[in-house]
Amino acid sequence: LEPHGLKFRQWPRLPKEWSRLAFRVEW
C-alpha cells in the first residue's frame, strides 16, 4: 500500500499447495 495507490511488486506467487488467496484491505 503506497501513498499513490495499491502496488503489486510483481505478479503474485502462490505455493503449489494453494489454489486461491483472497483478502480485504483498505487504502
PDB file of all heavy atoms in Angstrom:
ATOM      1  N   LEU A   1       0.858  -1.192   0.000  1.00  0.00           N
ATOM      2  CA  LEU A   1       0.000   0.000   0.000  1.00  0.00           C
ATOM      3  C   LEU A   1       0.886   1.229   0.000  1.00  0.00           C
ATOM      4  O   LEU A   1       1.547   1.534   0.992  1.00  0.00           O
ATOM      5  CB  LEU A   1      -0.928  -0.002   1.220  1.00  0.00           C
ATOM      6  CG  LEU A   1      -2.242  -0.782   1.063  1.00  0.00           C
ATOM      7  CD1 LEU A   1      -1.974  -2.265   0.896  1.00  0.00           C
ATOM      8  CD2 LEU A   1      -3.160  -0.557   2.252  1.00  0.00           C
ATOM      9  N   GLU A   2       0.927   1.919  -1.116  1.00  0.00           N
ATOM     10  CA  GLU A   2       1.811   3.065  -1.307  1.00  0.00           C
ATOM     11  C   GLU A   2       1.006   4.360  -1.227  1.00  0.00           C
ATOM     12  O   GLU A   2      -0.232   4.344  -1.349  1.00  0.00           O
ATOM     13  CB  GLU A   2       2.501   2.959  -2.673  1.00  0.00           C
ATOM     14  CG  GLU A   2       3.283   1.672  -2.887  1.00  0.00           C
ATOM     15  CD  GLU A   2       4.554   1.620  -2.065  1.00  0.00           C
ATOM     16  OE1 GLU A   2       4.983   2.674  -1.550  1.00  0.00           O
ATOM     17  OE2 GLU A   2       5.119   0.511  -1.914  1.00  0.00           O
ATOM     18  N   PRO A   3       1.670   5.514  -1.068  1.00  0.00           N
ATOM     19  CA  PRO A   3       0.942   6.781  -0.984  1.00  0.00           C
ATOM     20  C   PRO A   3       0.057   7.062  -2.190  1.00  0.00           C
ATOM     21  O   PRO A   3      -0.987   7.708  -2.058  1.00  0.00           O
ATOM     22  CB  PRO A   3       2.061   7.821  -0.871  1.00  0.00           C
ATOM     23  CG  PRO A   3       3.209   7.076  -0.277  1.00  0.00           C
ATOM     24  CD  PRO A   3       3.113   5.683  -0.833  1.00  0.00           C
ATOM     25  N   HIS A   4       0.432   6.564  -3.375  1.00  0.00           N
ATOM     26  CA  HIS A   4      -0.309   6.876  -4.585  1.00  0.00           C
ATOM     27  C   HIS A   4      -1.166   5.717  -5.086  1.00  0.00           C
ATOM     28  O   HIS A   4      -1.725   5.803  -6.191  1.00  0.00           O
ATOM     29  CB  HIS A   4       0.657   7.320  -5.682  1.00  0.00           C
ATOM     30  CG  HIS A   4       1.500   8.499  -5.286  1.00  0.00           C
ATOM     31  ND1 HIS A   4       0.969   9.739  -5.035  1.00  0.00           N
ATOM     32  CD2 HIS A   4       2.823   8.602  -5.052  1.00  0.00           C
ATOM     33  CE1 HIS A   4       1.937  10.567  -4.685  1.00  0.00           C
ATOM     34  NE2 HIS A   4       3.070   9.909  -4.685  1.00  0.00           N
ATOM     35  N   GLY A   5      -1.274   4.650  -4.295  1.00  0.00           N
ATOM     36  CA  GLY A   5      -2.142   3.559  -4.706  1.00  0.00           C
ATOM     37  C   GLY A   5      -1.640   2.206  -4.258  1.00  0.00           C
ATOM     38  O   GLY A   5      -0.567   2.084  -3.662  1.00  0.00           O
ATOM     39  N   LEU A   6      -2.436   1.173  -4.547  1.00  0.00           N
ATOM     40  CA  LEU A   6      -2.013  -0.194  -4.274  1.00  0.00           C
ATOM     41  C   LEU A   6      -1.047  -0.633  -5.367  1.00  0.00           C
ATOM     42  O   LEU A   6      -1.254  -0.352  -6.543  1.00  0.00           O
ATOM     43  CB  LEU A   6      -3.215  -1.147  -4.250  1.00  0.00           C
ATOM     44  CG  LEU A   6      -4.019  -1.188  -2.950  1.00  0.00           C
ATOM     45  CD1 LEU A   6      -4.896   0.044  -2.829  1.00  0.00           C
ATOM     46  CD2 LEU A   6      -4.884  -2.440  -2.900  1.00  0.00           C
ATOM     47  N   LYS A   7      -0.010  -1.330  -4.942  1.00  0.00           N
ATOM     48  CA  LYS A   7       1.012  -1.752  -5.901  1.00  0.00           C
ATOM     49  C   LYS A   7       1.315  -3.226  -5.700  1.00  0.00           C
ATOM     50  O   LYS A   7       1.492  -3.687  -4.575  1.00  0.00           O
ATOM     51  CB  LYS A   7       2.283  -0.928  -5.703  1.00  0.00           C
ATOM     52  CG  LYS A   7       3.445  -1.348  -6.586  1.00  0.00           C
ATOM     53  CD  LYS A   7       4.682  -0.504  -6.290  1.00  0.00           C
ATOM     54  CE  LYS A   7       5.873  -0.939  -7.117  1.00  0.00           C
ATOM     55  NZ  LYS A   7       7.084  -0.138  -6.806  1.00  0.00           N
ATOM     56  N   PHE A   8       1.360  -3.959  -6.799  1.00  0.00           N
ATOM     57  CA  PHE A   8       1.859  -5.327  -6.765  1.00  0.00           C
ATOM     58  C   PHE A   8       3.320  -5.277  -7.217  1.00  0.00           C
ATOM     59  O   PHE A   8       3.610  -4.855  -8.336  1.00  0.00           O
ATOM     60  CB  PHE A   8       1.040  -6.243  -7.683  1.00  0.00           C
ATOM     61  CG  PHE A   8      -0.356  -6.473  -7.185  1.00  0.00           C
ATOM     62  CD1 PHE A   8      -1.400  -5.644  -7.582  1.00  0.00           C
ATOM     63  CD2 PHE A   8      -0.629  -7.506  -6.304  1.00  0.00           C
ATOM     64  CE1 PHE A   8      -2.685  -5.840  -7.114  1.00  0.00           C
ATOM     65  CE2 PHE A   8      -1.915  -7.702  -5.823  1.00  0.00           C
ATOM     66  CZ  PHE A   8      -2.948  -6.875  -6.230  1.00  0.00           C
ATOM     67  N   ARG A   9       4.227  -5.669  -6.347  1.00  0.00           N
ATOM     68  CA  ARG A   9       5.650  -5.551  -6.655  1.00  0.00           C
ATOM     69  C   ARG A   9       6.032  -6.434  -7.833  1.00  0.00           C
ATOM     70  O   ARG A   9       6.945  -6.125  -8.589  1.00  0.00           O
ATOM     71  CB  ARG A   9       6.477  -5.906  -5.426  1.00  0.00           C
ATOM     72  CG  ARG A   9       6.243  -4.932  -4.284  1.00  0.00           C
ATOM     73  CD  ARG A   9       7.144  -5.207  -3.104  1.00  0.00           C
ATOM     74  NE  ARG A   9       6.929  -4.178  -2.082  1.00  0.00           N
ATOM     75  CZ  ARG A   9       7.523  -3.003  -2.065  1.00  0.00           C
ATOM     76  NH1 ARG A   9       8.371  -2.690  -3.033  1.00  0.00           N
ATOM     77  NH2 ARG A   9       7.281  -2.118  -1.111  1.00  0.00           N
ATOM     78  N   GLN A  10       5.347  -7.545  -7.957  1.00  0.00           N
ATOM     79  CA  GLN A  10       5.472  -8.420  -9.121  1.00  0.00           C
ATOM     80  C   GLN A  10       4.222  -9.304  -9.125  1.00  0.00           C
ATOM     81  O   GLN A  10       3.374  -9.199  -8.257  1.00  0.00           O
ATOM     82  CB  GLN A  10       6.754  -9.247  -9.056  1.00  0.00           C
ATOM     83  CG  GLN A  10       6.954 -10.027  -7.765  1.00  0.00           C
ATOM     84  CD  GLN A  10       8.343 -10.611  -7.655  1.00  0.00           C
ATOM     85  OE1 GLN A  10       8.999 -10.889  -8.643  1.00  0.00           O
ATOM     86  NE2 GLN A  10       8.814 -10.805  -6.432  1.00  0.00           N
ATOM     87  N   TRP A  11       4.096 -10.136 -10.129  1.00  0.00           N
ATOM     88  CA  TRP A  11       2.922 -10.997 -10.183  1.00  0.00           C
ATOM     89  C   TRP A  11       2.878 -11.877  -8.943  1.00  0.00           C
ATOM     90  O   TRP A  11       3.879 -12.441  -8.543  1.00  0.00           O
ATOM     91  CB  TRP A  11       2.955 -11.871 -11.433  1.00  0.00           C
ATOM     92  CG  TRP A  11       1.669 -12.608 -11.631  1.00  0.00           C
ATOM     93  CD1 TRP A  11       1.390 -13.886 -11.289  1.00  0.00           C
ATOM     94  CD2 TRP A  11       0.459 -12.080 -12.198  1.00  0.00           C
ATOM     95  NE1 TRP A  11       0.089 -14.205 -11.600  1.00  0.00           N
ATOM     96  CE2 TRP A  11      -0.508 -13.111 -12.157  1.00  0.00           C
ATOM     97  CE3 TRP A  11       0.095 -10.847 -12.735  1.00  0.00           C
ATOM     98  CZ2 TRP A  11      -1.807 -12.950 -12.631  1.00  0.00           C
ATOM     99  CZ3 TRP A  11      -1.191 -10.695 -13.208  1.00  0.00           C
ATOM    100  CH2 TRP A  11      -2.136 -11.745 -13.160  1.00  0.00           C
ATOM    101  N   PRO A  12       1.692 -11.974  -8.270  1.00  0.00           N
ATOM    102  CA  PRO A  12       1.593 -12.801  -7.064  1.00  0.00           C
ATOM    103  C   PRO A  12       2.080 -14.230  -7.298  1.00  0.00           C
ATOM    104  O   PRO A  12       1.927 -14.782  -8.398  1.00  0.00           O
ATOM    105  CB  PRO A  12       0.094 -12.774  -6.744  1.00  0.00           C
ATOM    106  CG  PRO A  12      -0.373 -11.473  -7.309  1.00  0.00           C
ATOM    107  CD  PRO A  12       0.420 -11.277  -8.560  1.00  0.00           C
ATOM    108  N   ARG A  13       2.646 -14.793  -6.243  1.00  0.00           N
ATOM    109  CA  ARG A  13       3.207 -16.143  -6.328  1.00  0.00           C
ATOM    110  C   ARG A  13       2.581 -16.993  -5.234  1.00  0.00           C
ATOM    111  O   ARG A  13       2.817 -16.766  -4.042  1.00  0.00           O
ATOM    112  CB  ARG A  13       4.716 -16.094  -6.145  1.00  0.00           C
ATOM    113  CG  ARG A  13       5.442 -15.383  -7.286  1.00  0.00           C
ATOM    114  CD  ARG A  13       6.886 -15.086  -6.916  1.00  0.00           C
ATOM    115  NE  ARG A  13       7.685 -14.792  -8.088  1.00  0.00           N
ATOM    116  CZ  ARG A  13       8.913 -14.302  -8.057  1.00  0.00           C
ATOM    117  NH1 ARG A  13       9.484 -14.058  -6.892  1.00  0.00           N
ATOM    118  NH2 ARG A  13       9.579 -14.062  -9.165  1.00  0.00           N
ATOM    119  N   LEU A  14       1.782 -17.961  -5.616  1.00  0.00           N
ATOM    120  CA  LEU A  14       1.166 -18.853  -4.639  1.00  0.00           C
ATOM    121  C   LEU A  14       1.948 -20.154  -4.559  1.00  0.00           C
ATOM    122  O   LEU A  14       2.424 -20.661  -5.575  1.00  0.00           O
ATOM    123  CB  LEU A  14      -0.278 -19.160  -5.029  1.00  0.00           C
ATOM    124  CG  LEU A  14      -1.267 -17.989  -5.088  1.00  0.00           C
ATOM    125  CD1 LEU A  14      -2.683 -18.525  -5.286  1.00  0.00           C
ATOM    126  CD2 LEU A  14      -1.182 -17.130  -3.831  1.00  0.00           C
ATOM    127  N   PRO A  15       2.060 -20.727  -3.368  1.00  0.00           N
ATOM    128  CA  PRO A  15       2.647 -22.067  -3.267  1.00  0.00           C
ATOM    129  C   PRO A  15       1.798 -23.066  -4.051  1.00  0.00           C
ATOM    130  O   PRO A  15       0.590 -22.858  -4.244  1.00  0.00           O
ATOM    131  CB  PRO A  15       2.589 -22.364  -1.765  1.00  0.00           C
ATOM    132  CG  PRO A  15       2.375 -21.046  -1.102  1.00  0.00           C
ATOM    133  CD  PRO A  15       1.635 -20.190  -2.077  1.00  0.00           C
ATOM    134  N   LYS A  16       2.404 -24.129  -4.490  1.00  0.00           N
ATOM    135  CA  LYS A  16       1.681 -25.124  -5.299  1.00  0.00           C
ATOM    136  C   LYS A  16       0.549 -25.760  -4.510  1.00  0.00           C
ATOM    137  O   LYS A  16      -0.412 -26.280  -5.092  1.00  0.00           O
ATOM    138  CB  LYS A  16       2.645 -26.198  -5.816  1.00  0.00           C
ATOM    139  CG  LYS A  16       3.340 -27.015  -4.757  1.00  0.00           C
ATOM    140  CD  LYS A  16       4.280 -28.045  -5.392  1.00  0.00           C
ATOM    141  CE  LYS A  16       4.959 -28.925  -4.370  1.00  0.00           C
ATOM    142  NZ  LYS A  16       5.866 -28.165  -3.476  1.00  0.00           N
ATOM    143  N   GLU A  17       0.624 -25.692  -3.167  1.00  0.00           N
ATOM    144  CA  GLU A  17      -0.424 -26.281  -2.331  1.00  0.00           C
ATOM    145  C   GLU A  17      -1.679 -25.409  -2.273  1.00  0.00           C
ATOM    146  O   GLU A  17      -2.717 -25.853  -1.793  1.00  0.00           O
ATOM    147  CB  GLU A  17       0.092 -26.482  -0.902  1.00  0.00           C
ATOM    148  CG  GLU A  17       1.182 -27.528  -0.761  1.00  0.00           C
ATOM    149  CD  GLU A  17       2.572 -26.956  -1.029  1.00  0.00           C
ATOM    150  OE1 GLU A  17       2.686 -25.758  -1.413  1.00  0.00           O
ATOM    151  OE2 GLU A  17       3.548 -27.712  -0.862  1.00  0.00           O
ATOM    152  N   TRP A  18      -1.589 -24.163  -2.744  1.00  0.00           N
ATOM    153  CA  TRP A  18      -2.701 -23.225  -2.670  1.00  0.00           C
ATOM    154  C   TRP A  18      -3.338 -23.044  -4.043  1.00  0.00           C
ATOM    155  O   TRP A  18      -2.647 -22.906  -5.044  1.00  0.00           O
ATOM    156  CB  TRP A  18      -2.240 -21.862  -2.177  1.00  0.00           C
ATOM    157  CG  TRP A  18      -1.685 -21.838  -0.786  1.00  0.00           C
ATOM    158  CD1 TRP A  18      -1.378 -22.906   0.015  1.00  0.00           C
ATOM    159  CD2 TRP A  18      -1.344 -20.661  -0.041  1.00  0.00           C
ATOM    160  NE1 TRP A  18      -0.875 -22.478   1.214  1.00  0.00           N
ATOM    161  CE2 TRP A  18      -0.840 -21.106   1.209  1.00  0.00           C
ATOM    162  CE3 TRP A  18      -1.418 -19.300  -0.299  1.00  0.00           C
ATOM    163  CZ2 TRP A  18      -0.406 -20.217   2.195  1.00  0.00           C
ATOM    164  CZ3 TRP A  18      -0.996 -18.416   0.683  1.00  0.00           C
ATOM    165  CH2 TRP A  18      -0.498 -18.868   1.917  1.00  0.00           C
ATOM    166  N   SER A  19      -4.648 -23.003  -4.065  1.00  0.00           N
ATOM    167  CA  SER A  19      -5.352 -22.687  -5.310  1.00  0.00           C
ATOM    168  C   SER A  19      -5.857 -21.250  -5.325  1.00  0.00           C
ATOM    169  O   SER A  19      -6.110 -20.674  -6.388  1.00  0.00           O
ATOM    170  CB  SER A  19      -6.535 -23.643  -5.515  1.00  0.00           C
ATOM    171  OG  SER A  19      -7.452 -23.524  -4.432  1.00  0.00           O
ATOM    172  N   ARG A  20      -5.986 -20.640  -4.135  1.00  0.00           N
ATOM    173  CA  ARG A  20      -6.571 -19.306  -4.074  1.00  0.00           C
ATOM    174  C   ARG A  20      -6.139 -18.615  -2.784  1.00  0.00           C
ATOM    175  O   ARG A  20      -5.992 -19.253  -1.747  1.00  0.00           O
ATOM    176  CB  ARG A  20      -8.090 -19.413  -4.116  1.00  0.00           C
ATOM    177  CG  ARG A  20      -8.831 -18.085  -4.079  1.00  0.00           C
ATOM    178  CD  ARG A  20     -10.335 -18.309  -3.965  1.00  0.00           C
ATOM    179  NE  ARG A  20     -11.069 -17.039  -3.927  1.00  0.00           N
ATOM    180  CZ  ARG A  20     -12.251 -16.881  -3.341  1.00  0.00           C
ATOM    181  NH1 ARG A  20     -12.844 -17.912  -2.757  1.00  0.00           N
ATOM    182  NH2 ARG A  20     -12.853 -15.709  -3.345  1.00  0.00           N
ATOM    183  N   LEU A  21      -5.954 -17.290  -2.888  1.00  0.00           N
ATOM    184  CA  LEU A  21      -5.690 -16.438  -1.729  1.00  0.00           C
ATOM    185  C   LEU A  21      -6.544 -15.186  -1.898  1.00  0.00           C
ATOM    186  O   LEU A  21      -6.399 -14.472  -2.900  1.00  0.00           O
ATOM    187  CB  LEU A  21      -4.207 -16.067  -1.659  1.00  0.00           C
ATOM    188  CG  LEU A  21      -3.820 -14.974  -0.652  1.00  0.00           C
ATOM    189  CD1 LEU A  21      -4.152 -15.420   0.770  1.00  0.00           C
ATOM    190  CD2 LEU A  21      -2.346 -14.624  -0.784  1.00  0.00           C
ATOM    191  N   ALA A  22      -7.450 -14.938  -0.961  1.00  0.00           N
ATOM    192  CA  ALA A  22      -8.325 -13.767  -1.043  1.00  0.00           C
ATOM    193  C   ALA A  22      -8.301 -13.024   0.280  1.00  0.00           C
ATOM    194  O   ALA A  22      -8.249 -13.642   1.353  1.00  0.00           O
ATOM    195  CB  ALA A  22      -9.750 -14.174  -1.399  1.00  0.00           C
ATOM    196  N   PHE A  23      -8.311 -11.693   0.215  1.00  0.00           N
ATOM    197  CA  PHE A  23      -8.287 -10.877   1.426  1.00  0.00           C
ATOM    198  C   PHE A  23      -8.801  -9.485   1.092  1.00  0.00           C
ATOM    199  O   PHE A  23      -8.913  -9.094  -0.075  1.00  0.00           O
ATOM    200  CB  PHE A  23      -6.861 -10.801   2.011  1.00  0.00           C
ATOM    201  CG  PHE A  23      -5.831 -10.319   1.029  1.00  0.00           C
ATOM    202  CD1 PHE A  23      -5.556  -8.971   0.883  1.00  0.00           C
ATOM    203  CD2 PHE A  23      -5.129 -11.232   0.250  1.00  0.00           C
ATOM    204  CE1 PHE A  23      -4.609  -8.521  -0.016  1.00  0.00           C
ATOM    205  CE2 PHE A  23      -4.174 -10.789  -0.666  1.00  0.00           C
ATOM    206  CZ  PHE A  23      -3.913  -9.433  -0.799  1.00  0.00           C
ATOM    207  N   ARG A  24      -9.091  -8.740   2.154  1.00  0.00           N
ATOM    208  CA  ARG A  24      -9.584  -7.377   2.017  1.00  0.00           C
ATOM    209  C   ARG A  24      -8.598  -6.420   2.659  1.00  0.00           C
ATOM    210  O   ARG A  24      -8.053  -6.694   3.732  1.00  0.00           O
ATOM    211  CB  ARG A  24     -10.954  -7.234   2.715  1.00  0.00           C
ATOM    212  CG  ARG A  24     -11.515  -5.823   2.775  1.00  0.00           C
ATOM    213  CD  ARG A  24     -12.670  -5.764   3.760  1.00  0.00           C
ATOM    214  NE  ARG A  24     -13.152  -4.415   3.961  1.00  0.00           N
ATOM    215  CZ  ARG A  24     -12.594  -3.510   4.781  1.00  0.00           C
ATOM    216  NH1 ARG A  24     -11.503  -3.820   5.451  1.00  0.00           N
ATOM    217  NH2 ARG A  24     -13.115  -2.302   4.922  1.00  0.00           N
ATOM    218  N   VAL A  25      -8.353  -5.311   1.987  1.00  0.00           N
ATOM    219  CA  VAL A  25      -7.552  -4.240   2.573  1.00  0.00           C
ATOM    220  C   VAL A  25      -8.294  -2.928   2.380  1.00  0.00           C
ATOM    221  O   VAL A  25      -9.292  -2.856   1.665  1.00  0.00           O
ATOM    222  CB  VAL A  25      -6.143  -4.161   1.930  1.00  0.00           C
ATOM    223  CG1 VAL A  25      -5.324  -5.384   2.262  1.00  0.00           C
ATOM    224  CG2 VAL A  25      -6.230  -3.941   0.429  1.00  0.00           C
ATOM    225  N   GLU A  26      -7.787  -1.889   3.053  1.00  0.00           N
ATOM    226  CA  GLU A  26      -8.365  -0.555   2.898  1.00  0.00           C
ATOM    227  C   GLU A  26      -7.244   0.409   2.537  1.00  0.00           C
ATOM    228  O   GLU A  26      -6.201   0.432   3.210  1.00  0.00           O
ATOM    229  CB  GLU A  26      -9.047  -0.113   4.190  1.00  0.00           C
ATOM    230  CG  GLU A  26      -9.759   1.226   4.076  1.00  0.00           C
ATOM    231  CD  GLU A  26     -10.562   1.578   5.311  1.00  0.00           C
ATOM    232  OE1 GLU A  26     -11.334   0.703   5.775  1.00  0.00           O
ATOM    233  OE2 GLU A  26     -10.410   2.696   5.825  1.00  0.00           O
ATOM    234  N   TRP A  27      -7.427   1.177   1.483  1.00  0.00           N
ATOM    235  CA  TRP A  27      -6.433   2.156   1.061  1.00  0.00           C
ATOM    236  C   TRP A  27      -7.105   3.526   0.965  1.00  0.00           C
ATOM    237  O   TRP A  27      -8.053   3.697   0.196  1.00  0.00           O
ATOM    238  CB  TRP A  27      -5.823   1.780  -0.293  1.00  0.00           C
ATOM    239  CG  TRP A  27      -4.789   2.765  -0.756  1.00  0.00           C
ATOM    240  CD1 TRP A  27      -3.478   2.805  -0.400  1.00  0.00           C
ATOM    241  CD2 TRP A  27      -5.000   3.874  -1.641  1.00  0.00           C
ATOM    242  NE1 TRP A  27      -2.854   3.869  -1.006  1.00  0.00           N
ATOM    243  CE2 TRP A  27      -3.759   4.546  -1.773  1.00  0.00           C
ATOM    244  CE3 TRP A  27      -6.108   4.367  -2.331  1.00  0.00           C
ATOM    245  CZ2 TRP A  27      -3.602   5.684  -2.564  1.00  0.00           C
ATOM    246  CZ3 TRP A  27      -5.957   5.504  -3.121  1.00  0.00           C
ATOM    247  CH2 TRP A  27      -4.718   6.139  -3.237  1.00  0.00           C
TER     248      TRP A  27
END
